[in-house]
Protein backbone atom coordinates (compact mmCIF):
# COMPACT_ATOMS: atom_id res chain seq x y z
CA MET A 1 -29.96 -14.84 12.31
CA THR A 2 -27.30 -16.33 14.42
CA PHE A 3 -27.33 -18.21 17.92
CA SER A 4 -27.10 -15.54 20.24
CA ASP A 5 -30.50 -14.29 19.44
CA PHE A 6 -31.91 -17.73 21.22
CA ASN A 7 -30.51 -16.50 24.67
CA PHE A 8 -28.72 -19.75 25.54
CA ASP A 9 -27.53 -20.22 28.99
CA GLU A 10 -24.34 -18.00 28.97
CA GLN A 11 -21.67 -20.87 29.15
CA LEU A 12 -23.46 -22.86 26.35
CA GLN A 13 -23.50 -20.09 24.62
CA GLU A 14 -19.36 -19.69 25.33
CA GLY A 15 -19.68 -23.67 24.07
CA LEU A 16 -20.73 -22.26 20.62
CA ASN A 17 -18.56 -19.66 20.26
CA SER A 18 -15.48 -21.97 21.01
CA MET A 19 -16.48 -24.32 18.28
CA GLY A 20 -17.32 -21.42 15.80
CA PHE A 21 -20.91 -22.19 15.37
CA LYS A 22 -22.50 -18.89 14.54
CA LYS A 23 -25.91 -18.87 12.00
CA PRO A 24 -28.27 -21.81 12.53
CA THR A 25 -29.22 -24.13 9.99
CA PRO A 26 -32.96 -23.57 8.88
CA ILE A 27 -33.98 -26.67 11.09
CA GLN A 28 -32.30 -25.40 14.12
CA GLN A 29 -34.02 -22.17 13.43
CA GLN A 30 -37.41 -23.48 13.25
CA SER A 31 -37.52 -26.15 16.08
CA ILE A 32 -35.25 -24.43 18.65
CA PRO A 33 -37.78 -21.87 19.64
CA LEU A 34 -40.29 -24.35 19.80
CA ILE A 35 -38.18 -27.16 21.99
CA LEU A 36 -37.38 -23.71 24.18
CA GLN A 37 -41.18 -23.24 24.70
CA ASN A 38 -41.47 -27.00 25.74
CA LYS A 39 -43.49 -27.41 23.11
CA ASP A 40 -44.28 -31.42 21.40
CA LEU A 41 -42.61 -31.44 18.33
CA ILE A 42 -42.30 -33.96 15.00
CA ALA A 43 -39.21 -32.63 13.28
CA CYS A 44 -38.72 -33.89 9.33
CA ALA A 45 -35.42 -33.09 8.13
CA GLN A 46 -32.83 -34.66 5.61
CA THR A 47 -29.57 -35.78 7.06
CA GLY A 48 -26.86 -32.97 7.35
CA THR A 49 -29.08 -30.41 7.88
CA GLY A 50 -27.89 -29.96 11.93
CA LYS A 51 -31.16 -31.81 13.46
CA THR A 52 -28.82 -33.06 16.38
CA ALA A 53 -28.27 -29.95 17.54
CA SER A 54 -31.29 -28.32 16.47
CA TYR A 55 -32.67 -30.31 19.90
CA LEU A 56 -29.66 -30.80 21.88
CA LEU A 57 -29.19 -26.83 22.35
CA PRO A 58 -32.69 -26.14 23.39
CA ILE A 59 -32.36 -28.95 26.16
CA MET A 60 -28.92 -28.25 27.28
CA HIS A 61 -30.32 -24.89 27.53
CA HIS A 62 -33.15 -26.20 29.89
CA ILE A 63 -30.70 -28.77 31.88
CA ALA A 64 -28.38 -25.78 32.28
CA VAL A 65 -31.18 -23.53 33.76
CA GLY A 66 -32.78 -26.02 35.80
CA GLU A 67 -31.64 -28.27 38.49
CA LYS A 68 -29.67 -31.07 37.84
CA SER A 69 -31.15 -34.17 40.38
CA HIS A 70 -32.09 -36.65 38.17
CA VAL A 71 -32.01 -37.69 34.50
CA SER A 72 -33.38 -35.18 32.60
CA THR A 73 -33.12 -36.32 29.31
CA LEU A 74 -33.69 -39.49 27.08
CA ILE A 75 -32.29 -39.84 23.58
CA LEU A 76 -32.83 -43.04 21.77
CA ALA A 77 -31.57 -43.57 18.61
CA PRO A 78 -31.32 -47.22 16.00
CA THR A 79 -27.57 -47.86 16.11
CA ARG A 80 -24.69 -47.45 18.49
CA GLU A 81 -22.66 -45.74 16.26
CA LEU A 82 -25.33 -42.66 16.55
CA ALA A 83 -25.41 -42.72 20.11
CA GLN A 84 -22.07 -42.54 20.25
CA GLN A 85 -21.82 -40.28 17.94
CA ILE A 86 -24.72 -38.21 19.82
CA ASP A 87 -23.02 -37.97 22.86
CA GLN A 88 -19.46 -36.81 21.23
CA GLN A 89 -21.86 -33.92 20.09
CA VAL A 90 -22.86 -33.67 23.90
CA GLU A 91 -19.25 -33.28 25.51
CA GLY A 92 -18.40 -30.90 22.74
CA LEU A 93 -21.19 -28.57 22.96
CA ALA A 94 -21.30 -29.08 27.03
CA TYR A 95 -17.79 -27.86 27.49
CA PHE A 96 -18.30 -25.25 29.89
CA THR A 97 -21.33 -26.01 31.32
CA GLY A 98 -20.64 -29.36 33.51
CA ILE A 99 -23.61 -31.44 31.34
CA SER A 100 -23.05 -34.59 31.42
CA SER A 101 -24.47 -37.61 29.39
CA ILE A 102 -23.64 -41.38 28.57
CA ALA A 103 -24.30 -43.53 25.37
CA VAL A 104 -25.36 -47.18 25.92
CA TYR A 105 -25.59 -49.69 23.50
CA GLY A 106 -25.34 -53.18 22.80
CA GLY A 107 -22.28 -55.02 21.58
CA GLY A 108 -19.15 -55.40 22.67
CA ASP A 109 -18.13 -57.24 25.90
CA GLY A 110 -19.37 -57.61 29.41
CA MET A 111 -16.71 -55.04 30.53
CA ILE A 112 -18.73 -52.86 28.33
CA TYR A 113 -22.28 -53.71 29.96
CA GLU A 114 -20.49 -53.01 33.75
CA GLN A 115 -18.99 -49.21 32.50
CA GLN A 116 -22.47 -48.58 31.51
CA ARG A 117 -23.89 -49.83 34.54
CA ARG A 118 -21.84 -47.99 36.60
CA ALA A 119 -22.47 -44.68 35.33
CA LEU A 120 -25.95 -44.82 34.90
CA ILE A 121 -25.85 -46.05 38.62
CA GLU A 122 -23.59 -42.32 39.09
CA GLY A 123 -26.11 -40.58 37.52
CA THR A 124 -25.76 -38.74 34.36
CA ASP A 125 -28.17 -35.76 32.92
CA ILE A 126 -28.70 -37.02 29.61
CA ILE A 127 -28.56 -40.93 28.36
CA ILE A 128 -28.28 -41.24 24.88
CA ALA A 129 -29.40 -45.21 24.04
CA THR A 130 -30.15 -47.59 21.60
CA PRO A 131 -33.42 -49.45 22.94
CA GLY A 132 -32.48 -52.83 23.25
CA ARG A 133 -29.47 -51.95 25.52
CA LEU A 134 -31.52 -49.41 27.56
CA ILE A 135 -34.18 -52.40 28.23
CA ALA A 136 -31.68 -54.42 30.07
CA HIS A 137 -30.62 -51.95 31.93
CA LEU A 138 -34.58 -50.37 32.96
CA ILE A 139 -35.39 -53.96 34.02
CA SER A 140 -32.35 -54.52 36.29
CA GLY A 141 -33.42 -51.40 38.04
CA ILE A 142 -30.33 -49.44 37.96
CA VAL A 143 -32.19 -46.83 35.84
CA LYS A 144 -34.64 -44.41 37.35
CA LEU A 145 -36.60 -42.20 34.71
CA ASP A 146 -39.27 -40.90 36.76
CA HIS A 147 -38.40 -37.64 36.78
CA LEU A 148 -37.55 -37.73 32.77
CA LYS A 149 -38.36 -33.90 31.68
CA HIS A 150 -37.59 -34.56 28.11
CA LEU A 151 -37.45 -37.84 24.99
CA VAL A 152 -36.08 -37.59 22.05
CA LEU A 153 -36.90 -40.39 19.30
CA ASP A 154 -33.68 -39.29 16.72
CA GLU A 155 -34.10 -41.39 13.37
CA ALA A 156 -37.67 -42.31 13.98
CA ASP A 157 -38.15 -43.70 10.67
CA ARG A 158 -35.20 -46.07 11.20
CA MET A 159 -35.79 -47.68 14.56
CA LEU A 160 -39.20 -48.57 13.43
CA ASP A 161 -37.52 -50.18 10.18
CA MET A 162 -35.29 -51.93 12.70
CA GLY A 163 -38.55 -53.25 14.42
CA PHE A 164 -38.22 -51.18 17.70
CA ASN A 165 -41.13 -49.80 17.42
CA GLU A 166 -42.84 -52.29 20.79
CA ASP A 167 -39.38 -51.97 22.10
CA ILE A 168 -39.80 -47.97 22.27
CA MET A 169 -43.87 -48.23 23.61
CA ARG A 170 -42.14 -50.47 26.69
CA ILE A 171 -39.44 -47.96 27.32
CA VAL A 172 -42.35 -45.45 26.95
CA GLY A 173 -44.25 -47.25 29.93
CA TYR A 174 -40.99 -46.29 32.30
CA LEU A 175 -41.54 -42.40 31.98
CA PRO A 176 -43.81 -39.81 32.94
CA LYS A 177 -46.94 -39.21 31.26
CA ASN A 178 -46.11 -35.27 31.61
CA ARG A 179 -42.94 -35.05 29.57
CA GLN A 180 -41.85 -33.00 26.38
CA THR A 181 -41.46 -35.53 23.46
CA LEU A 182 -39.10 -34.75 20.33
CA LEU A 183 -39.56 -37.26 17.01
CA PHE A 184 -37.23 -36.47 14.38
CA SER A 185 -37.29 -38.09 10.77
CA ALA A 186 -35.78 -38.11 7.70
CA THR A 187 -38.85 -39.24 6.47
CA MET A 188 -42.32 -39.36 7.58
CA PRO A 189 -44.57 -42.62 6.28
CA PRO A 190 -47.70 -43.45 7.61
CA LYS A 191 -46.21 -45.65 10.70
CA ILE A 192 -44.04 -42.66 12.00
CA ARG A 193 -47.29 -40.53 12.18
CA THR A 194 -49.40 -43.18 14.15
CA LEU A 195 -46.25 -43.51 16.47
CA ALA A 196 -46.56 -40.02 17.36
CA ALA A 197 -50.24 -39.96 18.07
CA LYS A 198 -49.44 -41.79 20.55
CA LEU A 199 -46.60 -40.30 22.08
CA LEU A 200 -46.79 -36.40 21.75
CA ASN A 201 -49.52 -34.32 22.80
CA ASN A 202 -50.17 -31.29 20.39
CA PRO A 203 -47.36 -31.69 19.01
CA GLU A 204 -45.68 -28.58 16.66
CA GLN A 205 -44.50 -30.03 12.75
CA VAL A 206 -41.16 -28.66 10.55
CA ASN A 207 -40.87 -29.59 7.75
CA ILE A 208 -37.42 -29.01 6.03
CA ALA A 209 -35.96 -30.40 2.33
CA ILE A 210 -37.75 -33.37 2.77
CA SER A 211 -36.53 -36.02 -0.21
CA GLN A 212 -34.30 -33.69 -2.00
CA PRO A 213 -30.31 -34.10 -1.75
CA ALA A 214 -28.58 -31.22 -0.47
CA ALA A 215 -27.11 -28.79 -3.18
CA GLY A 216 -23.43 -29.33 -3.30
CA ILE A 217 -23.64 -32.80 -4.18
CA LEU A 218 -22.57 -33.76 -7.49
CA GLN A 219 -24.82 -36.64 -8.58
CA GLN A 220 -23.80 -39.09 -11.34
CA ALA A 221 -23.96 -42.77 -12.47
CA TYR A 222 -22.64 -45.28 -14.63
CA LEU A 223 -24.79 -47.79 -16.57
CA THR A 224 -22.45 -51.17 -15.69
CA TYR A 225 -23.05 -55.14 -15.65
CA ASP A 226 -22.08 -57.17 -12.97
CA PRO A 227 -18.39 -57.41 -13.70
CA GLN A 228 -17.81 -54.22 -14.90
CA LYS A 229 -18.47 -53.06 -11.44
CA ILE A 230 -15.34 -53.70 -9.45
CA PRO A 231 -12.80 -52.41 -11.91
CA LEU A 232 -14.80 -49.42 -12.32
CA LEU A 233 -14.81 -48.41 -8.56
CA GLU A 234 -10.82 -49.45 -8.71
CA GLY A 235 -10.07 -46.45 -11.74
CA ILE A 236 -12.40 -44.01 -10.06
CA LEU A 237 -10.38 -44.65 -6.41
CA ARG A 238 -6.87 -44.51 -8.36
CA GLU A 239 -7.80 -41.66 -10.88
CA SER A 240 -9.50 -39.61 -8.53
CA GLN A 241 -8.19 -37.18 -5.12
CA TYR A 242 -10.84 -37.68 -2.89
CA PRO A 243 -8.77 -38.23 0.38
CA SER A 244 -12.86 -39.34 2.32
CA ILE A 245 -14.64 -42.31 0.76
CA LEU A 246 -17.67 -43.91 1.14
CA VAL A 247 -18.81 -47.12 -0.54
CA PHE A 248 -22.32 -48.67 -0.22
CA ALA A 249 -23.24 -52.13 -0.83
CA SER A 250 -26.70 -53.63 -0.84
CA THR A 251 -25.62 -56.39 2.12
CA LYS A 252 -22.96 -57.11 4.71
CA ASP A 253 -21.74 -60.28 2.33
CA LYS A 254 -21.00 -58.17 -0.40
CA VAL A 255 -19.33 -55.22 1.91
CA LYS A 256 -16.94 -58.17 3.26
CA GLU A 257 -16.10 -59.39 -0.37
CA LEU A 258 -15.82 -56.15 -1.64
CA GLY A 259 -13.85 -54.96 0.72
CA ARG A 260 -11.56 -58.29 0.15
CA SER A 261 -11.31 -57.52 -3.44
CA LEU A 262 -10.21 -53.75 -3.23
CA SER A 263 -7.66 -55.06 -0.55
CA LYS A 264 -6.57 -57.50 -2.81
CA LEU A 265 -5.91 -54.68 -5.87
CA GLY A 266 -4.06 -52.74 -3.09
CA ILE A 267 -6.79 -49.79 -1.80
CA LYS A 268 -5.69 -49.06 1.39
CA VAL A 269 -9.91 -49.74 2.52
CA LYS A 270 -11.80 -51.73 5.64
CA PRO A 271 -15.33 -53.46 5.55
CA PHE A 272 -17.83 -51.79 8.22
CA HIS A 273 -20.78 -54.45 9.39
CA SER A 274 -22.68 -55.91 12.75
CA ASP A 275 -20.03 -58.81 12.34
CA LEU A 276 -17.12 -56.67 14.01
CA GLU A 277 -16.38 -56.16 17.59
CA GLN A 278 -17.29 -52.79 18.91
CA ASP A 279 -13.41 -51.98 19.23
CA GLU A 280 -12.62 -52.60 15.84
CA ARG A 281 -15.61 -50.37 14.27
CA GLU A 282 -14.48 -48.09 16.86
CA ASP A 283 -11.35 -48.48 15.53
CA ILE A 284 -12.41 -48.03 11.61
CA LEU A 285 -14.49 -44.92 12.25
CA ARG A 286 -11.59 -43.23 14.06
CA ALA A 287 -8.89 -43.95 11.12
CA PHE A 288 -11.32 -42.66 9.25
CA LYS A 289 -12.27 -39.54 10.60
CA SER A 290 -8.44 -38.84 10.94
CA ARG A 291 -8.12 -39.64 7.23
CA GLN A 292 -5.72 -42.25 8.21
CA LEU A 293 -7.93 -44.36 6.25
CA PRO A 294 -9.12 -43.33 2.94
CA VAL A 295 -12.22 -45.71 2.34
CA ILE A 296 -14.92 -47.70 4.19
CA VAL A 297 -17.34 -50.09 2.69
CA GLY A 298 -20.97 -50.47 4.49
CA THR A 299 -24.43 -50.77 4.36
CA ASP A 300 -27.08 -48.49 4.52
CA VAL A 301 -26.27 -48.61 8.69
CA LEU A 302 -23.39 -46.06 7.48
CA SER A 303 -25.72 -43.70 5.57
CA ARG A 304 -27.50 -42.68 8.88
CA GLY A 305 -25.02 -44.05 11.44
CA ILE A 306 -21.92 -41.74 10.96
CA ASP A 307 -21.54 -38.21 10.99
CA VAL A 308 -17.78 -37.14 9.46
CA GLU A 309 -16.51 -33.56 7.76
CA GLY A 310 -15.90 -33.68 4.84
CA ILE A 311 -16.12 -36.86 2.87
CA SER A 312 -15.77 -36.11 -0.71
CA LEU A 313 -16.95 -38.90 -2.34
CA VAL A 314 -20.00 -41.11 -1.66
CA VAL A 315 -20.08 -44.56 -4.00
CA ASN A 316 -23.33 -46.38 -4.63
CA PHE A 317 -22.16 -49.72 -5.43
CA ASP A 318 -25.55 -50.99 -5.86
CA VAL A 319 -28.54 -49.01 -5.97
CA PRO A 320 -30.32 -48.20 -2.64
CA PRO A 321 -33.58 -50.41 -2.42
CA ASP A 322 -35.83 -47.59 -1.48
CA PRO A 323 -35.12 -43.95 -2.94
CA GLU A 324 -35.43 -42.34 0.50
CA ASP A 325 -32.13 -44.25 0.90
CA TYR A 326 -30.36 -42.88 -1.36
CA ILE A 327 -30.96 -39.51 -0.10
CA HIS A 328 -29.69 -40.51 3.29
CA ARG A 329 -26.78 -42.35 1.30
CA ILE A 330 -25.27 -39.00 -0.40
CA GLY A 331 -25.88 -37.35 2.37
CA ARG A 332 -23.29 -38.28 4.07
CA THR A 333 -21.08 -35.80 1.71
CA ALA A 334 -21.83 -32.06 1.29
CA ARG A 335 -22.80 -31.62 4.58
CA ALA A 336 -23.11 -28.18 6.42
CA GLU A 337 -23.69 -26.54 2.81
CA THR A 338 -19.78 -28.04 1.75
CA THR A 339 -19.42 -29.68 -1.44
CA GLY A 340 -19.13 -33.51 -2.46
CA THR A 341 -19.74 -36.14 -5.40
CA ALA A 342 -22.33 -39.25 -5.39
CA ILE A 343 -21.73 -41.90 -7.93
CA THR A 344 -24.05 -44.73 -8.30
CA PHE A 345 -23.69 -47.96 -10.44
CA ILE A 346 -26.38 -49.21 -12.27
CA ASN A 347 -27.19 -52.85 -13.69
CA GLU A 348 -30.06 -53.72 -15.37
CA LYS A 349 -31.89 -55.32 -12.86
CA ASP A 350 -31.80 -51.86 -10.94
CA GLN A 351 -32.44 -49.78 -13.55
CA ARG A 352 -36.29 -49.34 -12.56
CA LYS A 353 -35.30 -48.46 -8.36
CA PHE A 354 -33.04 -45.94 -10.44
CA ALA A 355 -35.50 -44.15 -12.48
CA SER A 356 -37.53 -43.96 -8.91
CA ILE A 357 -34.62 -42.17 -7.50
CA GLU A 358 -35.03 -39.83 -10.15
CA ALA A 359 -38.68 -39.40 -9.99
CA LEU A 360 -38.22 -38.65 -6.25
CA ILE A 361 -35.77 -36.10 -6.46
CA GLY A 362 -37.41 -34.30 -9.91
CA ARG A 363 -34.59 -34.87 -11.84
CA GLU A 364 -32.37 -37.23 -14.20
CA ILE A 365 -28.90 -37.59 -13.19
CA PRO A 366 -26.03 -37.98 -15.84
CA LYS A 367 -25.17 -41.22 -16.95
CA LEU A 368 -21.49 -41.14 -17.73
CA PRO A 369 -19.79 -43.36 -19.96
CA LEU A 370 -17.46 -46.59 -19.06
CA PRO A 371 -13.80 -45.97 -19.66
CA GLU A 372 -13.13 -47.83 -23.10
CA ALA A 373 -10.80 -50.81 -21.61
CA LEU A 374 -14.57 -51.73 -19.98
CA GLY A 375 -16.29 -52.10 -23.20
CA ASP A 376 -20.37 -50.64 -23.17
CA GLY A 377 -22.47 -51.52 -20.40
CA PRO A 378 -26.32 -51.79 -20.65
CA GLU A 379 -28.85 -49.34 -22.00
CA TYR A 380 -31.17 -47.57 -19.82
CA GLN A 381 -34.32 -48.55 -20.11
CA PRO A 382 -36.27 -48.54 -16.88
CA GLN A 383 -39.48 -49.72 -18.35
CA LEU A 384 -41.22 -47.47 -16.77
CA LYS A 385 -44.63 -45.70 -17.48
CA ARG A 386 -44.25 -42.50 -17.64
CA ASP A 387 -40.73 -41.03 -20.24
CA SER A 388 -37.71 -41.60 -17.65
CA GLY A 389 -35.43 -40.57 -20.84
CA PHE A 390 -31.56 -41.29 -21.36
CA LYS A 391 -32.40 -44.53 -23.74
CA ARG A 392 -28.76 -43.99 -24.92
CA LYS A 393 -25.36 -45.35 -24.15
CA PRO A 394 -23.27 -42.25 -23.59
CA LYS A 395 -19.97 -41.65 -25.52
CA GLY A 396 -17.58 -39.68 -24.01
CA ASN A 397 -13.74 -39.53 -21.66
CA TRP A 398 -15.34 -41.26 -18.37
CA LYS A 399 -12.36 -39.13 -16.20
CA LYS A 400 -14.44 -35.85 -16.96
CA HIS A 401 -16.69 -37.37 -14.42
CA LYS A 402 -15.89 -34.34 -11.89
CA ASN A 403 -17.14 -32.13 -14.59
CA ALA A 404 -20.39 -33.04 -14.87
CA GLY A 405 -23.98 -33.23 -13.79
CA ASN A 406 -23.32 -30.41 -10.94
CA THR A 407 -27.02 -29.90 -9.40
C-alpha cells in the first residue's frame, strides 16, 4: 500500500511526494480510511508509529476539498512542545495546499499571547492548542468554534494525567455537537474510555502494538547503586559513538542537578525543564535537532513532548514510575523503522518497578556488568511472586554493551 491509494487531494499528495512519504505505517493504514469516512475514532498506538500524520492527512484532505470560511479543526495536546511539533508537521504537509495553522500554548511573555491573539483574529484552518491557553482565548471571545468540523485529542492519556479533564470538557462546551471527534492515546486506561464515552459518537477503534517497544530498540540495563550512576553515565557518553542522546531523570530538580554534574565533567549537555523560558526551551530543541547539542536531560515531558529524527541513545537515569512511561521514553529512539539503544540504570529501590516493566513487555532485559573501576552493583532481586530471573550479577566487559541484548 502507498499513500496514493488514499486518493488524497492532488496538492496534498504533491506535498507527500516532495517529502518522500511513500508507504503508510500500520496506524496510518487503518486510521486514514475511517477518518476519511468521517467516523469518530479511538486509536491506541505507541509513540513513534506515525499517528500524528494518521489524523492530519485525512483532515487536511477534507479541508483542501472543502470551503475555508471558518476554523475547521481543533487539535488539543498536553504540552507546548507537542503543540509546536504538530504545527510544524502541518506546515510541512500543507506546503502546496495553502492550509494554515497556529500553535496556541502558554508560557513565554505577553508578546507571545498577543501574537497568538492576532493570528486567531485573522483566522486559520487548524488550531493546535494546550487546553489552558485555549480557554483564555475562548473566554476573551476572539476564537469562534461554532462551525468546527474536527476535534482531535492527541496524547489523551497524558492530558488526563496532567489534570486537564475539566478543561477538555469546558472546551467541548464551545464546540458544535455535530462534529468528528478523534481520540489518540498511547494507553487505554478506564479513564480514557470514560472520556471517550462522553465525547465520541459510535466510534471505530484501532489498536496498534500496545505496550511494546519498537522492534529496532536494543534494550539493556545496569544494576547500580546511586553513587555509581553519574560515573557510569559519563563512561557511556564518552566511550560510545552516539551523536544524539536523551537522558531521563525522575524529577525536575534531578534534571537540573544532573545537567550541572555532566557539564562540570566537560560533557556538552543542557537540562530541559519547565522552569526555562519558552525561548530557552526552543533554543535547546533547535540545537539538539541540528546536532549542535548532543545530550539533553529531561523528565517524562520529553518522552512525549518532542519528535526528533535520529536519536541514537535513550538513557533512563532513573527507572520510570509507570511501566507505560518506559515505553514512551525509549520510543524516542528507533523511530520510523530505524534502530537505537535504550539503557536503564536500576538501583535497589527501583528493582520491583523494573520487573513490572519486564512483565509488561514480556521479556527479560539483559543486565550488563559495571566497569571494574566502579565495583559491584546490587543483585537483581525484585522480590516479586513470579520468577523474575537474573538473580546474579553479570560478569564481563561493560564496553561490549552495543552488541548485547538486541530485541
